[in-house]
Amino acid sequence: AQLGAVLGRRFSFQELAAVSELGTAALEEQLNRLVDARILIRAGKPPDATYSFGHALIQDAAYDSMLRRRRMTLHDRAARVLEATNARAHDPLRLARHYEAAGRWREASELCALAATKANANWAYAEAIANLRQALELLSRTPESSERDRTEFRLLMTMTQPMQAHYGYTSSALLDVYDRMRRLADRLGPENHAEGMLANFWAFYCARGDRVETVQLAGDVQEQANASGDAAFLALAGFVTGATSYYLGDRASALPRLTRAVQHLQGIRGEPHPPTRAEQRLFLAWLVRSVALCDVGHIDEGRTSIAEAIAFAEQHGGPFEVLQALDYRIWVALNLGEDLETIAAIAERAERLRAEYEIGWWNSAAIWIGAVRAVRGDPSAIADMRRTVEATRSQCSGNRLNLELVVLARALMALGRLDDARACLDEGLALCQTTLAGFPESEICCLQGEIAGRTGDLESAAALFDRAIAVARAQGALLFELRATVASTRLLMHRRQFVEGRTRLDVVLAKFRDGFDTPYLAEARALLDAEPSNQGSSA
């Protein structure tokens, strides 16, 4: 019974025979006695039989009746037996428990880390985090050394990905991990870990929308990458600096940097396998680049890029990567003015995926679904959208918050709640000036102009449209320049200034080479082709 208690609640005859010092016949006899006494329950016949304790308390009593040194010896013996059965591959946690009970902390820690890798590959993020925390706790029992510090750093680095997926990019738990990584890097020498540490800190502050920290860290990553000359590090720097530029609103400088990162990713991918940490970062570059391509007017290329990114995530990634891809696909649809049914279908698919894999912090689909409901005339959608916005605010997701404020403002405008919409846009514009999230500034100004026009303040509307056009030009956002120019042209035509309006719109539309089937470009073409008598009916 004591030997069985060491092996666990359930064990096989062969496992017990390998650990026991008894011969096969004697062992079988003793097991039969325990079965007759109902201490053990047997399934099958030796040597293929398996046994389980009739009650957990019986196992505990048998286990506790042994001296500690005896238990450690038996656990060590059991670990060696399980190693011979390839338990490291098929049940690393069971093997880890034996090594832990035998006082072999390092081996136990390695096995918990291995179990975490398997869990993460199966998208069981909470399980992966729990296994890594156990690995860290076991590692802490080993003697202090530089090797232990390096191992701890690697475990913490591994933990960041499932934590981002499970808790979100801006969780306080992640910040604690990053702070510990920084202290370890100070001891080990930051040059050995600059890539991973700086990139993780950058991701944290970027998602929060912290302009000063993000820009500083992006510069540090680029400097370290230049010094290393490593192609993978340079690709990572392309993503970091490119995404930083994009969120600030500078699409023109963002694109070549993001392109470098995406080309590297596409060059290193082969057969399907769980994405590495580096590949996950570069995949996000692919998504940001897809939106940026549309923004600068390369619409067909942008639409193709996001479609290929979704297919890539479905083939090579997990649910988190697919969720990211769907979210950016909606972003593309929003910027292009695509129909509500398209946006609703994508958002509903994302929500089903989020619920299936219990990625609780991810609330992106809710804002899009709410927007569709509001435009269809459902006023109750606003309360749901506000809850999503406040959840994003509580997560300190600054970039996301500004995007959601714009979406909420549009929904409020659709329902005629112009004062509430104006308040959302005012907050969004302030975020453009004070945080990293400068990318929606042109759209915010355009929407403010539309509100001014609808309330009869045509002078303010004209000034806001002009500001939106100027911002879009400065940011290299041709799509938003067109969007604001269409609004401005409508106002000019309302004022019977047909020539000026048509000339202004024609100049911007001539810059496009494709994407003429998309709503905003189709609207612009229709406005140019319309007869003056059909124009200017409203501001």
Protein backbone atom coordinates (compact mmCIF):
# COMPACT_ATOMS: atom_id res chain seq x y z
CA ALA A 1 0.00 0.00 0.00
CA GLN A 2 2.85 2.39 0.79
CA LEU A 3 4.49 1.82 -2.58
CA GLY A 4 1.17 2.32 -4.34
CA ALA A 5 0.55 5.50 -2.37
CA VAL A 6 3.86 6.87 -3.68
CA LEU A 7 2.85 6.13 -7.27
CA GLY A 8 -0.48 7.91 -6.88
CA ARG A 9 -4.19 7.31 -6.63
CA ARG A 10 -4.02 5.01 -9.66
CA PHE A 11 -1.07 2.86 -10.77
CA SER A 12 -0.27 -0.20 -12.87
CA PHE A 13 1.07 -3.59 -11.79
CA GLN A 14 4.11 -3.08 -14.02
CA GLU A 15 4.91 0.29 -12.46
CA LEU A 16 4.65 -1.12 -8.96
CA ALA A 17 6.76 -4.14 -9.91
CA ALA A 18 9.50 -1.88 -11.22
CA VAL A 19 9.60 0.12 -7.98
CA SER A 20 9.13 -2.77 -5.56
CA GLU A 21 11.92 -4.98 -4.25
CA LEU A 22 9.52 -7.96 -4.17
CA GLY A 23 9.36 -10.64 -6.81
CA THR A 24 6.36 -10.81 -9.15
CA ALA A 25 4.60 -13.64 -7.30
CA ALA A 26 5.03 -12.09 -3.86
CA LEU A 27 3.92 -8.72 -5.11
CA GLU A 28 0.80 -10.18 -6.72
CA GLU A 29 -0.04 -12.01 -3.50
CA GLN A 30 0.20 -8.83 -1.41
CA LEU A 31 -1.91 -6.91 -3.92
CA ASN A 32 -4.58 -9.61 -3.83
CA ARG A 33 -4.78 -9.22 -0.06
CA LEU A 34 -5.26 -5.47 -0.39
CA VAL A 35 -7.94 -6.02 -3.01
CA ASP A 36 -9.71 -8.55 -0.77
CA ALA A 37 -9.57 -6.03 2.07
CA ARG A 38 -11.10 -3.42 -0.27
CA ILE A 39 -8.15 -1.12 0.21
CA LEU A 40 -7.43 -1.35 -3.52
CA ILE A 41 -9.67 -1.78 -6.54
CA ARG A 42 -8.27 -3.86 -9.38
CA ALA A 43 -9.05 -3.63 -13.09
CA GLY A 44 -7.74 -6.41 -15.31
CA LYS A 45 -5.30 -9.17 -14.46
CA PRO A 46 -1.57 -8.96 -13.75
CA PRO A 47 0.73 -8.12 -15.38
CA ASP A 48 -1.69 -5.85 -17.23
CA ALA A 49 -3.76 -4.93 -14.17
CA THR A 50 -4.24 -1.41 -12.86
CA TYR A 51 -5.07 -0.54 -9.27
CA SER A 52 -6.66 2.42 -7.54
CA PHE A 53 -7.22 3.22 -3.90
CA GLY A 54 -10.78 2.74 -2.69
CA HIS A 55 -10.64 6.16 -1.02
CA ALA A 56 -8.21 9.06 -1.07
CA LEU A 57 -7.97 8.94 2.74
CA ILE A 58 -6.60 5.41 2.54
CA GLN A 59 -3.90 6.57 0.16
CA ASP A 60 -3.07 9.51 2.43
CA ALA A 61 -2.81 7.28 5.49
CA ALA A 62 -0.50 4.84 3.71
CA TYR A 63 1.65 7.69 2.44
CA ASP A 64 1.90 9.47 5.78
CA SER A 65 2.91 6.26 7.57
CA MET A 66 6.33 6.34 5.85
CA LEU A 67 9.36 8.26 7.05
CA ARG A 68 10.28 11.25 4.91
CA ARG A 69 13.59 9.77 3.76
CA ARG A 70 11.84 6.56 2.73
CA ARG A 71 9.28 8.52 0.75
CA MET A 72 11.98 10.49 -1.05
CA THR A 73 13.81 7.29 -1.98
CA LEU A 74 10.68 5.69 -3.37
CA HIS A 75 9.71 8.82 -5.31
CA ASP A 76 13.19 8.92 -6.85
CA ARG A 77 12.84 5.27 -7.83
CA ALA A 78 9.35 5.92 -9.22
CA ALA A 79 10.66 8.83 -11.29
CA ARG A 80 13.29 6.59 -12.89
CA VAL A 81 10.63 3.98 -13.66
CA LEU A 82 8.36 6.57 -15.27
CA GLU A 83 11.25 8.01 -17.27
CA ALA A 84 11.70 4.56 -18.80
CA THR A 85 8.05 4.58 -19.91
CA ASN A 86 8.47 7.95 -21.69
CA ALA A 87 6.35 9.77 -19.11
CA ARG A 88 8.36 12.93 -19.89
CA ALA A 89 6.55 13.11 -23.22
CA HIS A 90 3.04 11.94 -22.34
CA ASP A 91 2.63 12.92 -18.65
CA PRO A 92 5.32 15.40 -17.57
CA LEU A 93 3.37 16.68 -14.57
CA ARG A 94 3.10 13.23 -13.01
CA LEU A 95 6.82 12.79 -13.42
CA ALA A 96 7.41 16.28 -12.03
CA ARG A 97 5.50 15.41 -8.85
CA HIS A 98 7.82 12.47 -8.20
CA TYR A 99 10.93 14.56 -8.76
CA GLU A 100 9.55 17.24 -6.47
CA ALA A 101 8.80 14.72 -3.70
CA ALA A 102 12.30 13.29 -4.18
CA GLY A 103 13.81 16.73 -3.61
CA ARG A 104 15.05 17.08 -7.19
CA TRP A 105 13.75 20.60 -7.71
CA ARG A 106 15.49 21.45 -10.97
CA GLU A 107 14.23 18.35 -12.79
CA ALA A 108 10.72 18.98 -11.47
CA SER A 109 10.86 22.60 -12.63
CA GLU A 110 11.96 21.57 -16.12
CA LEU A 111 9.04 19.15 -16.39
CA CYS A 112 6.49 21.75 -15.29
CA ALA A 113 7.89 24.08 -17.95
CA LEU A 114 7.54 21.27 -20.49
CA ALA A 115 3.91 20.76 -19.45
CA ALA A 116 3.36 24.51 -19.88
CA THR A 117 4.71 24.35 -23.42
CA LYS A 118 2.29 21.54 -24.26
CA ALA A 119 -0.63 23.41 -22.69
CA ASN A 120 0.21 26.62 -24.54
CA ALA A 121 0.43 24.74 -27.84
CA ASN A 122 -3.13 23.53 -27.17
CA TRP A 123 -4.23 27.12 -26.34
CA ALA A 124 -4.88 26.19 -22.70
CA TYR A 125 -3.46 29.52 -21.53
CA ALA A 126 -4.56 29.36 -17.87
CA GLU A 127 -3.08 25.88 -17.53
CA ALA A 128 0.18 27.03 -19.12
CA ILE A 129 0.43 29.95 -16.69
CA ALA A 130 -0.22 27.69 -13.68
CA ASN A 131 2.45 25.22 -14.82
CA LEU A 132 5.00 27.98 -15.36
CA ARG A 133 4.31 29.44 -11.93
CA GLN A 134 4.91 26.00 -10.45
CA ALA A 135 8.12 25.73 -12.45
CA LEU A 136 9.29 29.07 -11.05
CA GLU A 137 8.39 28.07 -7.49
CA LEU A 138 10.36 24.82 -7.80
CA LEU A 139 13.29 26.64 -9.34
CA SER A 140 13.34 29.03 -6.36
CA ARG A 141 14.19 26.08 -4.09
CA THR A 142 17.48 25.47 -5.89
CA PRO A 143 20.73 27.21 -4.81
CA GLU A 144 21.22 30.75 -6.08
CA SER A 145 23.45 31.02 -9.14
CA SER A 146 23.74 32.86 -12.44
CA GLU A 147 22.42 29.72 -14.15
CA ARG A 148 19.31 29.81 -11.97
CA ASP A 149 18.81 33.48 -12.88
CA ARG A 150 19.10 32.68 -16.59
CA THR A 151 16.59 29.85 -16.27
CA GLU A 152 14.18 32.08 -14.36
CA PHE A 153 14.50 34.75 -17.04
CA ARG A 154 13.67 32.21 -19.75
CA LEU A 155 10.65 30.95 -17.81
CA LEU A 156 9.36 34.48 -17.30
CA MET A 157 9.86 35.23 -20.97
CA THR A 158 7.89 32.10 -21.86
CA MET A 159 5.12 33.13 -19.48
CA THR A 160 4.50 36.50 -21.16
CA GLN A 161 2.73 35.05 -24.20
CA PRO A 162 0.01 33.01 -22.42
CA MET A 163 -0.41 35.85 -19.92
CA GLN A 164 -1.01 38.33 -22.74
CA ALA A 165 -3.56 35.96 -24.26
CA HIS A 166 -5.30 35.19 -20.94
CA TYR A 167 -5.10 38.49 -19.04
CA GLY A 168 -4.56 41.06 -21.80
CA TYR A 169 -1.57 43.12 -22.86
CA THR A 170 -1.92 45.69 -20.11
CA SER A 171 -2.58 43.55 -17.03
CA SER A 172 -0.78 44.43 -13.80
CA ALA A 173 0.31 40.80 -13.53
CA LEU A 174 2.34 41.27 -16.70
CA LEU A 175 3.98 44.39 -15.34
CA ASP A 176 5.12 42.40 -12.30
CA VAL A 177 6.70 39.82 -14.62
CA TYR A 178 8.44 42.52 -16.67
CA ASP A 179 9.80 44.20 -13.55
CA ARG A 180 11.26 40.90 -12.37
CA MET A 181 12.79 40.33 -15.80
CA ARG A 182 14.41 43.76 -15.64
CA ARG A 183 15.97 43.02 -12.25
CA LEU A 184 17.32 39.71 -13.53
CA ALA A 185 18.71 41.36 -16.65
CA ASP A 186 20.52 43.90 -14.49
CA ARG A 187 22.26 41.01 -12.74
CA LEU A 188 22.96 39.00 -15.85
CA GLY A 189 23.83 41.83 -18.20
CA PRO A 190 21.02 43.38 -20.26
CA GLU A 191 22.88 42.83 -23.53
CA ASN A 192 22.11 39.10 -23.24
CA HIS A 193 18.36 39.68 -23.08
CA ALA A 194 17.79 43.04 -24.74
CA GLU A 195 15.55 41.75 -27.53
CA GLY A 196 12.96 39.92 -25.45
CA MET A 197 12.91 42.26 -22.49
CA LEU A 198 12.68 45.51 -24.45
CA ALA A 199 10.05 44.11 -26.81
CA ASN A 200 7.85 42.99 -23.92
CA PHE A 201 8.13 46.33 -22.16
CA TRP A 202 7.37 48.09 -25.43
CA ALA A 203 4.25 45.93 -26.02
CA PHE A 204 2.98 46.73 -22.52
CA TYR A 205 3.36 50.50 -22.81
CA CYS A 206 2.22 50.55 -26.44
CA ALA A 207 -1.06 48.81 -25.59
CA ARG A 208 -1.56 51.27 -22.73
CA GLY A 209 -1.04 54.17 -25.15
CA ASP A 210 1.83 55.64 -23.13
CA ARG A 211 3.44 57.89 -25.73
CA VAL A 212 6.68 58.79 -23.95
CA GLU A 213 7.58 55.27 -22.79
CA THR A 214 6.59 53.63 -26.08
CA VAL A 215 8.59 55.99 -28.25
CA GLN A 216 11.62 55.69 -25.97
CA LEU A 217 11.48 51.90 -25.91
CA ALA A 218 10.97 51.71 -29.68
CA GLY A 219 14.15 53.73 -30.11
CA ASP A 220 15.99 51.44 -27.70
CA VAL A 221 14.86 48.34 -29.61
CA GLN A 222 16.01 49.83 -32.93
CA GLU A 223 19.37 50.83 -31.44
CA GLN A 224 19.95 47.35 -30.02
CA ALA A 225 18.88 45.73 -33.30
CA ASN A 226 21.23 47.92 -35.32
CA ALA A 227 24.10 47.04 -33.01
CA SER A 228 23.38 43.31 -33.27
CA GLY A 229 22.95 43.18 -37.03
CA ASP A 230 20.74 40.12 -36.53
CA ALA A 231 18.06 39.78 -39.22
CA ALA A 232 15.38 38.54 -36.80
CA PHE A 233 16.11 41.35 -34.33
CA LEU A 234 16.00 43.93 -37.14
CA ALA A 235 12.65 42.53 -38.27
CA LEU A 236 11.36 42.83 -34.71
CA ALA A 237 12.60 46.42 -34.60
CA GLY A 238 10.72 47.04 -37.85
CA PHE A 239 7.52 45.89 -36.19
CA VAL A 240 8.13 47.87 -33.00
CA THR A 241 9.05 51.15 -34.70
CA GLY A 242 6.49 50.67 -37.47
CA ALA A 243 3.61 49.99 -35.08
CA THR A 244 4.68 52.93 -32.93
CA SER A 245 4.58 55.21 -35.97
CA TYR A 246 1.21 53.85 -37.03
CA TYR A 247 -0.46 54.38 -33.68
CA LEU A 248 0.95 57.90 -33.55
CA GLY A 249 -0.73 58.39 -36.93
CA ASP A 250 2.32 58.44 -39.20
CA ARG A 251 1.24 55.86 -41.78
CA ALA A 252 3.86 56.81 -44.37
CA SER A 253 6.88 56.03 -42.18
CA ALA A 254 5.14 53.03 -40.60
CA LEU A 255 4.67 51.07 -43.83
CA PRO A 256 8.29 50.33 -44.86
CA ARG A 257 9.16 49.28 -41.31
CA LEU A 258 6.18 46.99 -41.00
CA THR A 259 6.89 45.58 -44.45
CA ARG A 260 10.40 44.57 -43.37
CA ALA A 261 8.95 42.67 -40.41
CA VAL A 262 6.28 40.91 -42.50
CA GLN A 263 8.76 39.88 -45.19
CA HIS A 264 10.95 38.29 -42.54
CA LEU A 265 7.98 36.40 -41.09
CA GLN A 266 6.89 35.10 -44.48
CA GLY A 267 10.43 34.03 -45.21
CA ILE A 268 10.87 31.91 -42.08
CA ARG A 269 7.50 30.15 -42.05
CA GLY A 270 7.34 26.62 -43.39
CA GLU A 271 5.08 23.76 -42.44
CA PRO A 272 2.37 24.41 -39.82
CA HIS A 273 3.68 24.38 -36.26
CA PRO A 274 2.89 26.33 -33.09
CA PRO A 275 4.06 29.92 -33.66
CA THR A 276 7.18 30.99 -31.81
CA ARG A 277 7.19 34.11 -29.67
CA ALA A 278 9.05 36.02 -32.39
CA GLU A 279 6.56 34.89 -35.02
CA GLN A 280 3.64 36.01 -32.88
CA ARG A 281 5.09 39.51 -32.68
CA LEU A 282 5.73 39.67 -36.40
CA PHE A 283 2.23 38.38 -37.12
CA LEU A 284 0.87 41.45 -35.37
CA ALA A 285 3.05 43.52 -37.71
CA TRP A 286 1.23 41.84 -40.59
CA LEU A 287 -2.13 42.90 -39.18
CA VAL A 288 -1.12 46.50 -38.51
CA ARG A 289 0.41 46.71 -41.98
CA SER A 290 -2.85 45.51 -43.57
CA VAL A 291 -4.75 48.41 -41.99
CA ALA A 292 -1.98 50.86 -42.86
CA LEU A 293 -2.03 49.78 -46.52
CA CYS A 294 -5.72 50.63 -46.76
CA ASP A 295 -5.21 53.91 -44.92
CA VAL A 296 -2.56 55.12 -47.38
CA GLY A 297 -4.74 54.22 -50.35
CA HIS A 298 -3.31 50.81 -51.34
CA ILE A 299 -6.74 49.32 -50.82
CA ASP A 300 -6.58 46.15 -52.89
CA GLU A 301 -3.21 45.25 -51.41
CA GLY A 302 -4.52 45.90 -47.91
CA ARG A 303 -7.62 43.77 -48.41
CA THR A 304 -5.55 40.93 -49.84
CA SER A 305 -3.08 41.24 -46.97
CA ILE A 306 -5.69 40.96 -44.22
CA ALA A 307 -7.40 38.01 -45.96
CA GLU A 308 -4.05 36.21 -46.20
CA ALA A 309 -3.30 37.03 -42.55
CA ILE A 310 -6.57 35.45 -41.41
CA ALA A 311 -5.83 32.32 -43.46
CA PHE A 312 -2.31 32.26 -42.01
CA ALA A 313 -3.65 32.47 -38.45
CA GLU A 314 -6.16 29.69 -39.09
CA GLN A 315 -3.44 27.41 -40.46
CA HIS A 316 -0.47 28.24 -38.27
CA GLY A 317 -1.74 29.95 -35.15
CA GLY A 318 -4.20 29.45 -32.32
CA PRO A 319 -7.46 31.09 -31.28
CA PHE A 320 -5.67 34.17 -29.96
CA GLU A 321 -4.01 34.83 -33.32
CA VAL A 322 -7.30 34.22 -35.15
CA LEU A 323 -9.06 36.65 -32.79
CA GLN A 324 -6.42 39.29 -33.48
CA ALA A 325 -6.76 38.77 -37.23
CA LEU A 326 -10.56 39.04 -37.13
CA ASP A 327 -10.34 42.19 -35.03
CA TYR A 328 -8.06 43.86 -37.56
CA ARG A 329 -10.29 42.65 -40.39
CA ILE A 330 -13.12 44.59 -38.75
CA TRP A 331 -10.84 47.59 -38.42
CA VAL A 332 -10.20 47.43 -42.19
CA ALA A 333 -13.94 47.12 -42.83
CA LEU A 334 -14.65 50.14 -40.61
CA ASN A 335 -12.03 52.30 -42.34
CA LEU A 336 -13.29 51.30 -45.79
CA GLY A 337 -16.93 51.92 -44.85
CA GLU A 338 -18.00 48.34 -45.55
CA ASP A 339 -21.58 47.22 -44.93
CA LEU A 340 -22.90 46.38 -41.48
CA GLU A 341 -23.69 42.77 -42.33
CA THR A 342 -20.01 42.10 -43.08
CA ILE A 343 -18.88 43.66 -39.83
CA ALA A 344 -21.57 41.87 -37.80
CA ALA A 345 -20.68 38.45 -39.25
CA ILE A 346 -16.98 38.86 -38.47
CA ALA A 347 -17.68 40.17 -34.96
CA GLU A 348 -20.04 37.30 -34.16
CA ARG A 349 -17.47 34.76 -35.30
CA ALA A 350 -14.87 36.43 -33.07
CA GLU A 351 -17.23 36.37 -30.10
CA ARG A 352 -17.91 32.65 -30.52
CA LEU A 353 -14.18 31.98 -30.61
CA ARG A 354 -13.57 34.13 -27.51
CA ALA A 355 -16.27 32.32 -25.57
CA GLU A 356 -15.10 28.86 -26.66
CA TYR A 357 -11.54 29.41 -25.45
CA GLU A 358 -12.52 31.53 -22.42
CA ILE A 359 -10.39 34.55 -23.33
CA GLY A 360 -12.33 36.65 -20.88
CA TRP A 361 -10.53 39.98 -21.18
CA TRP A 362 -11.02 40.17 -24.94
CA ASN A 363 -14.07 42.37 -25.45
CA SER A 364 -13.44 43.68 -28.97
CA ALA A 365 -16.35 41.88 -30.63
CA ALA A 366 -18.85 43.48 -28.24
CA ILE A 367 -18.13 47.03 -29.43
CA TRP A 368 -18.59 46.07 -33.08
CA ILE A 369 -21.77 44.10 -32.46
CA GLY A 370 -23.15 47.01 -30.45
CA ALA A 371 -22.34 49.45 -33.25
CA VAL A 372 -24.25 47.34 -35.76
CA ARG A 373 -27.26 47.16 -33.42
CA ALA A 374 -27.20 50.94 -32.91
CA VAL A 375 -27.11 51.73 -36.62
CA ARG A 376 -30.05 49.35 -37.06
CA GLY A 377 -31.93 51.55 -34.58
CA ASP A 378 -31.53 49.66 -31.29
CA PRO A 379 -30.97 52.29 -28.55
CA SER A 380 -30.22 49.62 -25.91
CA ALA A 381 -26.97 48.90 -27.75
CA ILE A 382 -25.45 52.08 -26.34
CA ALA A 383 -25.45 50.79 -22.76
CA ASP A 384 -23.69 47.63 -23.87
CA MET A 385 -21.15 49.62 -25.86
CA ARG A 386 -20.47 51.91 -22.91
CA ARG A 387 -19.80 48.88 -20.71
CA THR A 388 -17.26 47.68 -23.25
CA VAL A 389 -15.60 51.10 -23.36
CA GLU A 390 -15.40 51.25 -19.58
CA ALA A 391 -13.95 47.74 -19.45
CA THR A 392 -11.28 48.84 -21.92
CA ARG A 393 -10.64 51.94 -19.85
CA SER A 394 -10.25 49.84 -16.69
CA GLN A 395 -7.67 47.69 -18.52
CA CYS A 396 -5.71 50.88 -19.34
CA SER A 397 -5.78 49.94 -23.04
CA GLY A 398 -5.19 53.43 -24.36
CA ASN A 399 -4.94 52.71 -28.09
CA ARG A 400 -8.00 50.50 -28.02
CA LEU A 401 -9.95 53.04 -25.96
CA ASN A 402 -9.60 55.76 -28.58
CA LEU A 403 -10.76 53.47 -31.36
CA GLU A 404 -13.78 52.40 -29.30
CA LEU A 405 -14.67 56.00 -28.50
CA VAL A 406 -14.86 56.72 -32.23
CA VAL A 407 -17.05 53.66 -32.80
CA LEU A 408 -19.32 54.66 -29.90
CA ALA A 409 -19.57 58.23 -31.24
CA ARG A 410 -20.68 56.92 -34.64
CA ALA A 411 -23.33 54.77 -32.98
CA LEU A 412 -24.61 57.73 -30.96
CA MET A 413 -24.75 59.86 -34.11
CA ALA A 414 -26.76 57.15 -35.86
CA LEU A 415 -29.31 57.35 -33.04
CA GLY A 416 -29.38 61.18 -33.12
CA ARG A 417 -27.65 61.62 -29.74
CA LEU A 418 -25.30 64.31 -31.00
CA ASP A 419 -24.30 65.82 -27.65
CA ASP A 420 -23.25 62.45 -26.31
CA ALA A 421 -21.36 61.75 -29.53
CA ARG A 422 -19.58 65.10 -29.29
CA ALA A 423 -18.46 64.26 -25.74
CA CYS A 424 -16.94 60.97 -26.93
CA LEU A 425 -15.12 62.72 -29.76
CA ASP A 426 -13.80 65.45 -27.48
CA GLU A 427 -12.32 62.79 -25.21
CA GLY A 428 -10.88 60.99 -28.21
CA LEU A 429 -9.28 64.14 -29.57
CA ALA A 430 -7.67 64.81 -26.18
CA LEU A 431 -6.24 61.27 -26.25
CA CYS A 432 -4.79 61.97 -29.71
CA GLN A 433 -2.83 64.86 -28.24
CA THR A 434 -1.71 63.25 -24.98
CA THR A 435 -1.28 59.53 -25.69
CA LEU A 436 0.16 57.27 -28.36
CA ALA A 437 -3.28 56.92 -29.97
CA GLY A 438 -3.04 59.66 -32.60
CA PHE A 439 -4.22 57.51 -35.51
CA PRO A 440 -7.96 58.44 -35.39
CA GLU A 441 -7.44 62.23 -35.24
CA SER A 442 -8.56 62.93 -38.81
CA GLU A 443 -11.68 60.78 -38.44
CA ILE A 444 -12.53 62.45 -35.13
CA CYS A 445 -12.31 65.91 -36.70
CA CYS A 446 -14.44 64.74 -39.63
CA LEU A 447 -17.13 63.36 -37.34
CA GLN A 448 -17.07 66.58 -35.30
CA GLY A 449 -17.62 68.45 -38.55
CA GLU A 450 -20.58 66.25 -39.41
CA ILE A 451 -22.15 66.99 -36.01
CA ALA A 452 -21.59 70.73 -36.52
CA GLY A 453 -23.22 70.52 -39.94
CA ARG A 454 -26.21 68.62 -38.61
CA THR A 455 -26.75 71.28 -35.92
CA GLY A 456 -26.53 74.13 -38.46
CA ASP A 457 -23.06 75.45 -37.56
CA LEU A 458 -21.71 75.37 -41.10
CA GLU A 459 -18.69 77.55 -40.44
CA SER A 460 -17.44 75.23 -37.72
CA ALA A 461 -18.21 72.25 -39.93
CA ALA A 462 -16.10 73.68 -42.77
CA ALA A 463 -13.20 74.41 -40.41
CA LEU A 464 -13.33 70.93 -38.92
CA PHE A 465 -13.41 69.27 -42.33
CA ASP A 466 -10.38 71.34 -43.38
CA ARG A 467 -8.59 70.33 -40.22
CA ALA A 468 -9.41 66.67 -40.86
CA ILE A 469 -7.99 66.96 -44.38
CA ALA A 470 -4.82 68.63 -43.12
CA VAL A 471 -4.27 66.00 -40.42
CA ALA A 472 -4.85 63.16 -42.90
CA ARG A 473 -2.32 64.66 -45.34
CA ALA A 474 0.26 65.09 -42.59
CA GLN A 475 -0.25 61.48 -41.51
CA GLY A 476 -0.11 60.10 -45.06
CA ALA A 477 -3.65 58.73 -44.61
CA LEU A 478 -5.07 59.13 -48.13
CA LEU A 479 -8.22 57.17 -47.32
CA PHE A 480 -9.07 59.56 -44.47
CA GLU A 481 -8.17 62.54 -46.64
CA LEU A 482 -10.78 61.30 -49.11
CA ARG A 483 -13.29 60.69 -46.34
CA ALA A 484 -12.94 64.27 -45.07
CA THR A 485 -12.85 65.70 -48.58
CA VAL A 486 -16.16 64.00 -49.45
CA ALA A 487 -17.72 65.60 -46.36
CA SER A 488 -16.19 68.96 -47.24
CA THR A 489 -17.36 68.70 -50.86
CA ARG A 490 -20.92 67.98 -49.79
CA LEU A 491 -20.85 71.10 -47.65
CA LEU A 492 -19.42 73.20 -50.50
CA MET A 493 -22.09 71.94 -52.86
CA HIS A 494 -24.74 72.68 -50.27
CA ARG A 495 -23.44 76.24 -50.45
CA ARG A 496 -23.66 76.08 -54.26
CA GLN A 497 -19.84 76.13 -54.59
CA PHE A 498 -19.91 73.32 -57.15
CA VAL A 499 -16.68 74.02 -58.99
CA GLU A 500 -14.56 74.29 -55.86
CA GLY A 501 -16.12 71.19 -54.39
CA ARG A 502 -15.72 69.06 -57.51
CA THR A 503 -12.15 70.25 -58.06
CA ARG A 504 -11.15 69.49 -54.49
CA LEU A 505 -12.63 66.00 -54.62
CA ASP A 506 -11.27 65.22 -58.08
CA VAL A 507 -7.70 65.99 -56.98
CA VAL A 508 -7.90 63.54 -54.06
CA LEU A 509 -9.72 60.80 -55.95
CA ALA A 510 -7.11 60.92 -58.74
CA LYS A 511 -4.49 59.73 -56.24
CA PHE A 512 -6.16 56.31 -55.96
CA ARG A 513 -5.24 53.46 -58.29
CA ASP A 514 -7.61 50.79 -56.97
CA GLY A 515 -10.35 50.11 -54.46
CA PHE A 516 -13.04 51.92 -56.47
CA ASP A 517 -15.62 49.30 -55.46
CA THR A 518 -15.32 50.27 -51.78
CA PRO A 519 -18.07 52.46 -50.30
CA TYR A 520 -16.11 55.67 -49.69
CA LEU A 521 -14.52 55.68 -53.15
CA ALA A 522 -17.83 54.76 -54.77
CA GLU A 523 -19.49 57.62 -52.87
CA ALA A 524 -16.82 60.04 -54.03
CA ARG A 525 -17.20 58.94 -57.67
CA ALA A 526 -20.97 59.23 -57.47
CA LEU A 527 -20.66 62.73 -56.02
CA LEU A 528 -18.44 63.78 -58.92
CA ASP A 529 -20.73 62.24 -61.52
CA ALA A 530 -23.95 63.69 -60.13
CA GLU A 531 -25.64 66.65 -61.83
CA PRO A 532 -25.45 69.96 -59.88
CA SER A 533 -29.25 69.99 -59.52
CA ASN A 534 -29.02 66.76 -57.54
CA GLN A 535 -26.39 68.03 -55.18
CA GLY A 536 -26.33 70.19 -52.10
CA SER A 537 -29.63 69.16 -50.62
CA SER A 538 -28.08 68.86 -47.18
CA ALA A 539 -24.90 69.61 -45.26
